[in-house]
Amino acid sequence: MIRELSLVIFLVCVHTCSSLDENRRKLSTHERIRADGYPSQYFDLITSDGYILQVNRIPRGRRDFFDFRRRPIVFLQHGLQSSANAFLGIDVDTSLAYNLADRGFDVWLGNSRGVENSRRHLFLDPDSDSTKRQFWDFTFEEIALIDLPRMIDFALSHTGQDKLHYVGHSQGGTVFLILNSRKPEYNKKFISAHLLAGVGYQDHFPSWLIGRAAARSDVIRALTYLLGYVEILGPSDDGKSNLGELVNAASTSDIQPKNALWDLISIIKQAMDEMSRAKAGINGAAVKQYAHYGQNIRDKSFRSYDHGLLQNLVRYGSITPPEYDLSKIAVDMTMHYTLGDILLDEQDVLAMAEAIPNCKVRRVAREDFSHTDFVRARDSKELVYEYVIDDLKRRK
C-alpha cells in the first residue's frame, strides 16, 4: 500500500510539473522556435525501416534574419524520454540552441524515433494493438545506426557542407559513441563532439535502486509485453501518461513475479523524478530501450542488445552480443560529467575517455549538478554552454 501511495504522489507531482509553462509547451518545436523570435525550419525524413523523423533547424540568430551567409553546423541530439525541445531551454536566455544560433551557428536538432515529433511510421501505428509491438521494437542501437546517420547526412547534404559539430545529451551521447564505433567512416563527418552526461560504460552504476531493477531486465521486458505495454510514458487515449495504467497493472495483476513490475516502475520513477522538473516535456520511449540499458548495467558492459543464445547466434554470429569498440572513435571529443549524476559514474566517464583516442573530460563545477541539469538548469549556460560555445568558436 505504501508503494502504491508513493507512486500516486509521484504521478501527481509529474502532472503538476508538466503543467508549467503549458502554453509554450503546447506548441510544436517549430512553433516554439518561431514564437521565441528565431527563424525556424523543419524537415520530415524517412528512415530505411520506415520511421518518419522530424529534424528541426534554426539557421540563424534572431538578429540575423537577413544574413544568409553559410554558418558552421552544430547538431544537437536529445536524451531518453526527451526530444529536440530539451535544447530550447527553460527560456530563451538559457537555451543551448538559441545561444548557439546567436553566436553564429547553423543549429540542427534531431528527434529520434518514438518521440513526439517522430512518433510516425509509413505502415505502423504506435498506438494500434495490431502494430504497436512492431513499431516499438527498437533499442538505442537502431537510433544510433539508422536514425542518427539519416539526420546527419541530410543536414550535411542540405547545407552543402561535409562536416559538423555534435552535442549530445545522455542517450544522445550513447548513440554518438555507437555510431562512430560501429560505422567508423562517420568519424570524418564530425569536427568535434561534446557529450553532456553521455551514457556508455556502466561498470560503476551509481543508483543501487535502478541497478537492482536492471538485474531483472529480461523478466521485466517479458512481463510488460505480456501485459501489452511496449512504450514507457507515452500518451494514452485520454492524453494522460500510461505510467498510471502500469502502476494499476502491477497492483492488480496475478502475473508473477510481481516484484519485477515494481522494479520497472522504480526505474521510471527515479529517472523521471529529475526529468519531470524539466520544461521540455516528457516523451515516450520503447520498453526495449530501457531493457537494453538494464542489460548493460546488469552485465557491466557496453554492447548490443542480448536477444538470448539462439537469437544472438543468428544475429551476431556469437552467443554473446558484440561490444561497442570505443577505440575506433577518432572524433575530437569532450565528455562533460557531474558528481551529482545518478545515471552516470565518474569512474565510467574516465574509463571511456581512456578508451577513446582523442577524448578529454570536464567535470561541471557544481557538485549537485544533476543528469538533467545539462538541459534544464538556469546556471547550465554559465557552467556548461559557454565552454562548449567558446570551444566551437575556436574551431570555426
Protein backbone atom coordinates (compact mmCIF):
# COMPACT_ATOMS: atom_id res chain seq x y z
CA MET A 1 0.00 0.00 0.00
CA ILE A 2 2.84 2.40 0.84
CA ARG A 3 4.42 1.76 -2.55
CA GLU A 4 1.15 2.46 -4.34
CA LEU A 5 0.68 5.68 -2.35
CA SER A 6 4.20 6.90 -3.08
CA LEU A 7 3.65 6.32 -6.77
CA VAL A 8 0.33 8.18 -6.71
CA ILE A 9 2.11 11.14 -5.11
CA PHE A 10 4.82 10.89 -7.75
CA LEU A 11 2.27 10.90 -10.57
CA VAL A 12 0.58 13.98 -9.12
CA CYS A 13 3.97 15.70 -8.99
CA VAL A 14 4.67 14.80 -12.61
CA HIS A 15 1.28 16.21 -13.64
CA THR A 16 1.87 19.42 -11.67
CA CYS A 17 5.37 19.94 -13.03
CA SER A 18 4.31 19.16 -16.56
CA SER A 19 1.66 21.88 -16.41
CA LEU A 20 4.31 24.58 -16.00
CA ASP A 21 4.65 26.90 -18.99
CA GLU A 22 1.79 24.93 -20.55
CA ASN A 23 1.03 27.44 -23.27
CA ARG A 24 4.61 27.45 -24.54
CA ARG A 25 4.90 23.70 -24.33
CA LYS A 26 1.68 23.05 -26.24
CA LEU A 27 3.38 24.47 -29.31
CA SER A 28 5.29 22.21 -31.67
CA THR A 29 9.07 22.59 -31.75
CA HIS A 30 8.79 24.59 -34.97
CA GLU A 31 6.11 26.85 -33.45
CA ARG A 32 8.09 27.35 -30.24
CA ILE A 33 11.18 28.43 -32.11
CA ARG A 34 9.18 30.95 -34.15
CA ALA A 35 7.32 32.19 -31.06
CA ASP A 36 10.67 32.78 -29.39
CA GLY A 37 11.69 35.05 -32.25
CA TYR A 38 14.01 32.81 -34.26
CA PRO A 39 13.87 31.64 -37.87
CA SER A 40 12.67 28.05 -37.97
CA GLN A 41 12.58 25.21 -40.46
CA TYR A 42 11.67 21.55 -40.16
CA PHE A 43 12.05 18.51 -42.37
CA ASP A 44 10.43 15.08 -42.32
CA LEU A 45 12.87 12.27 -43.14
CA ILE A 46 12.07 8.62 -43.81
CA THR A 47 14.47 6.01 -42.47
CA SER A 48 15.42 2.78 -44.22
CA ASP A 49 12.99 0.89 -41.96
CA GLY A 50 10.05 3.27 -42.45
CA TYR A 51 10.13 5.61 -39.45
CA ILE A 52 9.34 9.26 -40.14
CA LEU A 53 11.69 11.56 -38.25
CA GLN A 54 11.37 15.30 -37.86
CA VAL A 55 14.54 17.37 -37.88
CA ASN A 56 14.34 21.00 -36.76
CA ARG A 57 16.63 23.79 -37.83
CA ILE A 58 17.48 27.27 -36.55
CA PRO A 59 19.58 28.59 -39.44
CA ARG A 60 20.44 31.98 -37.93
CA GLY A 61 20.19 34.05 -34.77
CA ARG A 62 17.18 36.24 -34.03
CA ARG A 63 19.08 39.39 -35.04
CA ASP A 64 20.33 37.84 -38.28
CA PHE A 65 17.12 37.19 -40.22
CA PHE A 66 18.57 38.61 -43.43
CA ASP A 67 22.13 37.33 -43.04
CA PHE A 68 22.25 34.27 -45.30
CA ARG A 69 25.96 33.54 -45.09
CA ARG A 70 26.87 29.89 -44.61
CA ARG A 71 27.47 29.05 -40.97
CA PRO A 72 29.12 26.05 -39.30
CA ILE A 73 26.60 23.37 -38.32
CA VAL A 74 26.01 22.21 -34.77
CA PHE A 75 23.80 19.13 -34.49
CA LEU A 76 22.01 18.64 -31.14
CA GLN A 77 20.69 15.21 -30.12
CA HIS A 78 18.40 14.71 -27.12
CA GLY A 79 18.32 12.02 -24.44
CA LEU A 80 15.93 9.25 -23.42
CA GLN A 81 12.27 10.32 -22.86
CA SER A 82 13.13 13.68 -24.41
CA SER A 83 13.04 15.48 -27.77
CA ALA A 84 14.53 18.48 -29.57
CA ASN A 85 12.54 20.68 -27.18
CA ALA A 86 15.06 19.88 -24.45
CA PHE A 87 17.56 22.20 -26.11
CA LEU A 88 15.08 25.10 -26.25
CA GLY A 89 15.59 25.53 -22.53
CA ILE A 90 13.54 27.00 -19.73
CA ASP A 91 13.57 30.30 -21.59
CA VAL A 92 15.40 31.95 -24.47
CA ASP A 93 18.41 33.02 -22.42
CA THR A 94 19.07 29.53 -21.03
CA SER A 95 18.59 27.66 -24.30
CA LEU A 96 21.66 25.98 -25.77
CA ALA A 97 20.09 26.02 -29.24
CA TYR A 98 19.33 29.75 -29.17
CA ASN A 99 22.71 30.67 -27.70
CA LEU A 100 24.42 28.74 -30.48
CA ALA A 101 22.29 30.42 -33.16
CA ASP A 102 23.02 33.87 -31.74
CA ARG A 103 26.74 33.10 -31.71
CA GLY A 104 26.89 32.35 -35.42
CA PHE A 105 26.00 28.67 -35.82
CA ASP A 106 23.51 26.84 -38.04
CA VAL A 107 21.68 24.75 -35.43
CA TRP A 108 20.05 21.41 -36.26
CA LEU A 109 18.01 19.47 -33.73
CA GLY A 110 17.35 15.76 -34.12
CA ASN A 111 14.29 13.81 -32.97
CA SER A 112 14.76 10.06 -32.65
CA ARG A 113 12.05 7.52 -33.44
CA GLY A 114 9.16 7.36 -30.98
CA VAL A 115 9.35 10.89 -29.55
CA GLU A 116 6.58 13.42 -30.08
CA ASN A 117 7.98 14.84 -33.34
CA SER A 118 8.91 11.42 -34.74
CA ARG A 119 6.09 9.18 -33.49
CA ARG A 120 5.25 8.14 -37.03
CA HIS A 121 5.88 5.34 -39.48
CA LEU A 122 4.93 4.64 -43.08
CA PHE A 123 2.99 1.49 -42.18
CA LEU A 124 2.96 1.02 -38.39
CA ASP A 125 0.71 2.79 -35.88
CA PRO A 126 2.42 3.28 -32.47
CA ASP A 127 -0.94 3.02 -30.69
CA SER A 128 -2.67 0.23 -32.61
CA ASP A 129 -2.87 -3.13 -30.86
CA SER A 130 -2.04 -4.85 -34.13
CA THR A 131 1.13 -2.89 -34.97
CA LYS A 132 2.42 -1.15 -31.84
CA ARG A 133 4.68 -4.04 -30.85
CA GLN A 134 6.43 -3.81 -34.22
CA PHE A 135 6.65 -0.01 -34.01
CA TRP A 136 8.30 -0.09 -30.57
CA ASP A 137 10.63 -2.98 -31.37
CA PHE A 138 13.86 -0.98 -31.16
CA THR A 139 16.66 -0.02 -28.78
CA PHE A 140 19.10 2.86 -28.82
CA GLU A 141 21.23 0.90 -31.32
CA GLU A 142 18.64 1.42 -34.07
CA ILE A 143 18.61 5.11 -33.21
CA ALA A 144 22.42 5.15 -33.44
CA LEU A 145 22.83 3.19 -36.66
CA ILE A 146 19.69 4.21 -38.59
CA ASP A 147 18.18 7.46 -37.26
CA LEU A 148 21.31 9.43 -36.43
CA PRO A 149 23.18 8.88 -39.72
CA ARG A 150 19.98 9.65 -41.65
CA MET A 151 19.67 13.01 -39.91
CA ILE A 152 23.38 13.83 -40.03
CA ASP A 153 23.64 13.04 -43.73
CA PHE A 154 20.59 15.15 -44.51
CA ALA A 155 21.92 18.18 -42.61
CA LEU A 156 25.23 17.97 -44.47
CA SER A 157 23.62 17.40 -47.86
CA HIS A 158 21.06 20.17 -47.41
CA THR A 159 23.71 22.75 -46.50
CA GLY A 160 26.42 21.55 -48.88
CA GLN A 161 28.87 21.02 -46.05
CA ASP A 162 30.94 17.93 -45.34
CA LYS A 163 31.47 18.21 -41.56
CA LEU A 164 29.63 19.42 -38.48
CA HIS A 165 29.88 19.76 -34.70
CA TYR A 166 27.86 17.46 -32.45
CA VAL A 167 26.37 17.94 -28.98
CA GLY A 168 24.51 15.03 -27.40
CA HIS A 169 22.83 14.77 -24.01
CA SER A 170 22.50 11.43 -22.19
CA GLN A 171 21.25 8.92 -24.79
CA GLY A 172 22.33 11.49 -27.37
CA GLY A 173 25.85 10.64 -26.23
CA THR A 174 25.17 6.91 -26.25
CA VAL A 175 24.11 6.91 -29.89
CA PHE A 176 27.10 9.02 -30.93
CA LEU A 177 29.51 6.53 -29.37
CA ILE A 178 27.76 3.60 -31.06
CA LEU A 179 27.57 5.24 -34.49
CA ASN A 180 31.26 6.09 -34.64
CA SER A 181 32.41 2.76 -33.21
CA ARG A 182 30.21 0.60 -35.48
CA LYS A 183 30.44 2.85 -38.55
CA PRO A 184 33.93 4.37 -38.29
CA GLU A 185 33.50 6.06 -41.67
CA TYR A 186 31.30 8.61 -39.87
CA ASN A 187 34.23 9.88 -37.80
CA LYS A 188 35.30 12.07 -40.70
CA LYS A 189 31.92 13.86 -40.70
CA PHE A 190 32.41 15.38 -37.24
CA ILE A 191 34.66 18.33 -36.48
CA SER A 192 34.16 17.89 -32.75
CA ALA A 193 31.76 16.43 -30.21
CA HIS A 194 30.62 17.48 -26.76
CA LEU A 195 28.80 14.75 -24.83
CA LEU A 196 26.76 16.05 -21.90
CA ALA A 197 26.41 13.15 -19.46
CA GLY A 198 26.80 10.79 -22.40
CA VAL A 199 25.97 7.29 -21.17
CA GLY A 200 28.21 4.43 -22.28
CA TYR A 201 30.18 2.30 -19.82
CA GLN A 202 28.13 1.37 -16.76
CA ASP A 203 30.51 -0.71 -14.65
CA HIS A 204 30.03 1.57 -11.63
CA PHE A 205 26.36 2.50 -11.98
CA PRO A 206 25.60 4.94 -9.12
CA SER A 207 21.95 4.12 -8.34
CA TRP A 208 21.51 0.90 -6.34
CA LEU A 209 17.74 1.05 -6.86
CA ILE A 210 17.94 1.13 -10.64
CA GLY A 211 20.81 -1.34 -10.51
CA ARG A 212 18.63 -3.81 -8.61
CA ALA A 213 15.89 -3.43 -11.18
CA ALA A 214 18.40 -3.80 -14.01
CA ALA A 215 19.25 -7.28 -12.72
CA ARG A 216 15.73 -8.30 -13.81
CA SER A 217 15.76 -6.56 -17.17
CA ASP A 218 14.74 -9.56 -19.25
CA VAL A 219 11.95 -10.60 -16.88
CA ILE A 220 10.62 -7.06 -16.74
CA ARG A 221 10.53 -6.74 -20.53
CA ALA A 222 8.74 -10.08 -20.88
CA LEU A 223 6.13 -9.16 -18.27
CA THR A 224 5.41 -5.72 -19.71
CA TYR A 225 4.99 -7.25 -23.17
CA LEU A 226 2.66 -9.86 -21.70
CA LEU A 227 0.57 -7.05 -20.19
CA GLY A 228 0.52 -5.25 -23.54
CA TYR A 229 2.96 -2.45 -22.71
CA VAL A 230 5.71 -1.74 -25.23
CA GLU A 231 6.06 2.02 -24.62
CA ILE A 232 7.03 3.87 -21.44
CA LEU A 233 5.32 7.19 -20.63
CA GLY A 234 3.65 7.60 -23.97
CA PRO A 235 0.26 9.29 -24.32
CA SER A 236 -2.76 7.08 -23.75
CA ASP A 237 -6.12 7.64 -25.40
CA ASP A 238 -7.14 10.27 -22.84
CA GLY A 239 -3.82 12.10 -23.18
CA LYS A 240 -2.53 11.07 -19.76
CA SER A 241 0.62 9.10 -19.06
CA ASN A 242 0.31 5.35 -19.33
CA LEU A 243 2.54 5.00 -16.28
CA GLY A 244 -0.59 5.14 -14.14
CA GLU A 245 -2.00 2.21 -16.08
CA LEU A 246 1.21 0.26 -15.50
CA VAL A 247 1.04 1.01 -11.77
CA ASN A 248 -2.52 -0.29 -11.73
CA ALA A 249 -1.47 -3.41 -13.62
CA ALA A 250 1.31 -4.08 -11.14
CA SER A 251 -1.15 -3.63 -8.26
CA THR A 252 -3.95 -5.84 -9.58
CA SER A 253 -2.38 -8.39 -11.93
CA ASP A 254 -1.95 -12.02 -10.91
CA ILE A 255 1.18 -12.28 -13.04
CA GLN A 256 4.29 -13.29 -11.11
CA PRO A 257 6.89 -12.27 -10.14
CA LYS A 258 5.15 -9.03 -9.26
CA ASN A 259 8.32 -7.53 -7.82
CA ALA A 260 9.76 -7.35 -11.32
CA LEU A 261 6.97 -4.97 -12.36
CA TRP A 262 7.57 -2.83 -9.31
CA ASP A 263 11.25 -2.78 -10.22
CA LEU A 264 10.37 -1.41 -13.66
CA ILE A 265 8.28 1.31 -12.07
CA SER A 266 11.17 2.07 -9.73
CA ILE A 267 13.43 2.62 -12.73
CA ILE A 268 10.96 5.04 -14.29
CA LYS A 269 10.20 6.78 -11.00
CA GLN A 270 13.81 7.56 -10.14
CA ALA A 271 14.69 8.72 -13.64
CA MET A 272 11.52 10.77 -14.03
CA ASP A 273 11.92 12.34 -10.59
CA GLU A 274 14.54 14.53 -12.25
CA MET A 275 13.06 14.70 -15.73
CA SER A 276 9.65 15.88 -14.59
CA ARG A 277 11.20 19.15 -13.48
CA ALA A 278 12.36 19.93 -16.99
CA LYS A 279 10.23 22.30 -19.04
CA ALA A 280 10.76 20.39 -22.30
CA GLY A 281 8.06 17.81 -21.64
CA ILE A 282 8.26 14.04 -21.32
CA ASN A 283 8.28 11.83 -24.39
CA GLY A 284 7.63 8.15 -24.90
CA ALA A 285 10.34 5.52 -25.15
CA ALA A 286 10.36 1.83 -26.01
CA VAL A 287 10.40 -0.67 -23.16
CA LYS A 288 13.21 -2.27 -25.13
CA GLN A 289 15.33 0.89 -24.81
CA TYR A 290 15.12 0.60 -21.03
CA ALA A 291 15.79 -3.13 -21.25
CA HIS A 292 18.96 -2.51 -23.27
CA TYR A 293 20.29 -0.05 -20.70
CA GLY A 294 19.29 -2.51 -17.98
CA GLN A 295 21.20 -5.35 -19.60
CA ASN A 296 24.35 -3.23 -19.82
CA ILE A 297 24.04 -2.18 -16.18
CA ARG A 298 23.46 -5.79 -15.12
CA ASP A 299 26.31 -7.20 -17.20
CA LYS A 300 28.69 -4.26 -16.63
CA SER A 301 29.08 -3.94 -20.37
CA PHE A 302 28.53 -1.61 -23.30
CA ARG A 303 27.30 -3.82 -26.11
CA SER A 304 24.45 -4.70 -28.43
CA TYR A 305 21.10 -5.97 -27.18
CA ASP A 306 21.12 -9.51 -25.77
CA HIS A 307 18.38 -11.49 -27.54
CA GLY A 308 19.30 -14.82 -25.93
CA LEU A 309 21.73 -17.52 -27.05
CA LEU A 310 19.98 -18.72 -30.21
CA GLN A 311 18.93 -15.30 -31.49
CA ASN A 312 22.40 -13.94 -30.74
CA LEU A 313 23.90 -16.68 -32.89
CA VAL A 314 21.57 -15.79 -35.75
CA ARG A 315 22.02 -12.02 -35.46
CA TYR A 316 25.63 -11.68 -34.35
CA GLY A 317 27.28 -15.00 -35.12
CA SER A 318 28.13 -15.49 -31.45
CA ILE A 319 26.25 -16.44 -28.30
CA THR A 320 27.04 -13.09 -26.68
CA PRO A 321 26.34 -9.64 -28.14
CA PRO A 322 29.31 -7.74 -29.59
CA GLU A 323 30.83 -4.91 -27.56
CA TYR A 324 30.99 -1.34 -28.85
CA ASP A 325 34.69 -0.73 -29.51
CA LEU A 326 35.31 2.85 -28.43
CA SER A 327 38.91 2.74 -29.64
CA LYS A 328 37.54 3.15 -33.18
CA ILE A 329 36.21 6.64 -32.39
CA ALA A 330 38.54 9.29 -33.82
CA VAL A 331 36.44 12.43 -33.26
CA ASP A 332 37.91 15.21 -31.11
CA MET A 333 35.60 14.81 -28.12
CA THR A 334 34.90 16.32 -24.71
CA MET A 335 32.86 14.36 -22.17
CA HIS A 336 31.13 16.60 -19.62
CA TYR A 337 30.04 14.97 -16.38
CA THR A 338 28.96 15.76 -12.84
CA LEU A 339 29.35 14.15 -9.44
CA GLY A 340 25.63 14.61 -8.80
CA ASP A 341 24.55 12.30 -11.63
CA ILE A 342 22.50 9.26 -10.55
CA LEU A 343 22.79 7.67 -14.01
CA LEU A 344 26.50 8.01 -14.84
CA ASP A 345 29.50 7.49 -12.57
CA GLU A 346 32.75 9.45 -12.78
CA GLN A 347 34.81 6.23 -12.97
CA ASP A 348 32.92 5.14 -16.08
CA VAL A 349 33.44 8.52 -17.74
CA LEU A 350 37.18 8.36 -17.07
CA ALA A 351 37.32 4.79 -18.39
CA MET A 352 35.57 5.81 -21.62
CA ALA A 353 37.93 8.74 -22.07
CA GLU A 354 40.85 6.37 -21.62
CA ALA A 355 39.48 4.07 -24.34
CA ILE A 356 38.77 6.85 -26.87
CA PRO A 357 41.98 8.08 -28.54
CA ASN A 358 41.17 11.80 -28.75
CA CYS A 359 38.94 12.43 -25.76
CA LYS A 360 39.14 14.70 -22.76
CA VAL A 361 36.85 15.04 -19.76
CA ARG A 362 35.41 18.04 -17.98
CA ARG A 363 33.68 17.93 -14.62
CA VAL A 364 30.95 20.52 -14.06
CA ALA A 365 31.90 22.93 -11.29
CA ARG A 366 28.84 22.30 -9.13
CA GLU A 367 28.79 19.03 -7.24
CA ASP A 368 24.99 18.73 -7.04
CA PHE A 369 24.55 19.42 -10.77
CA SER A 370 22.32 16.56 -11.96
CA HIS A 371 21.88 14.46 -15.09
CA THR A 372 19.07 16.62 -16.45
CA ASP A 373 20.58 19.92 -15.29
CA PHE A 374 22.58 19.88 -18.52
CA VAL A 375 19.38 20.85 -20.36
CA ARG A 376 17.24 22.49 -17.66
CA ALA A 377 19.33 24.29 -15.00
CA ARG A 378 19.44 28.06 -15.09
CA ASP A 379 23.19 28.01 -14.47
CA SER A 380 23.87 25.49 -17.25
CA LYS A 381 24.77 28.39 -19.55
CA GLU A 382 27.46 29.58 -17.16
CA LEU A 383 28.69 26.12 -16.16
CA VAL A 384 28.48 24.26 -19.48
CA TYR A 385 27.22 26.13 -22.55
CA GLU A 386 29.73 28.99 -22.55
CA TYR A 387 32.58 26.49 -22.50
CA VAL A 388 31.04 24.49 -25.35
CA ILE A 389 30.33 27.55 -27.50
CA ASP A 390 33.80 29.04 -26.93
CA ASP A 391 35.35 25.73 -27.95
CA LEU A 392 33.25 25.56 -31.11
CA LYS A 393 34.03 29.19 -32.00
CA ARG A 394 37.72 28.43 -31.66
CA ARG A 395 37.37 25.68 -34.25
CA LYS A 396 35.49 27.76 -36.84
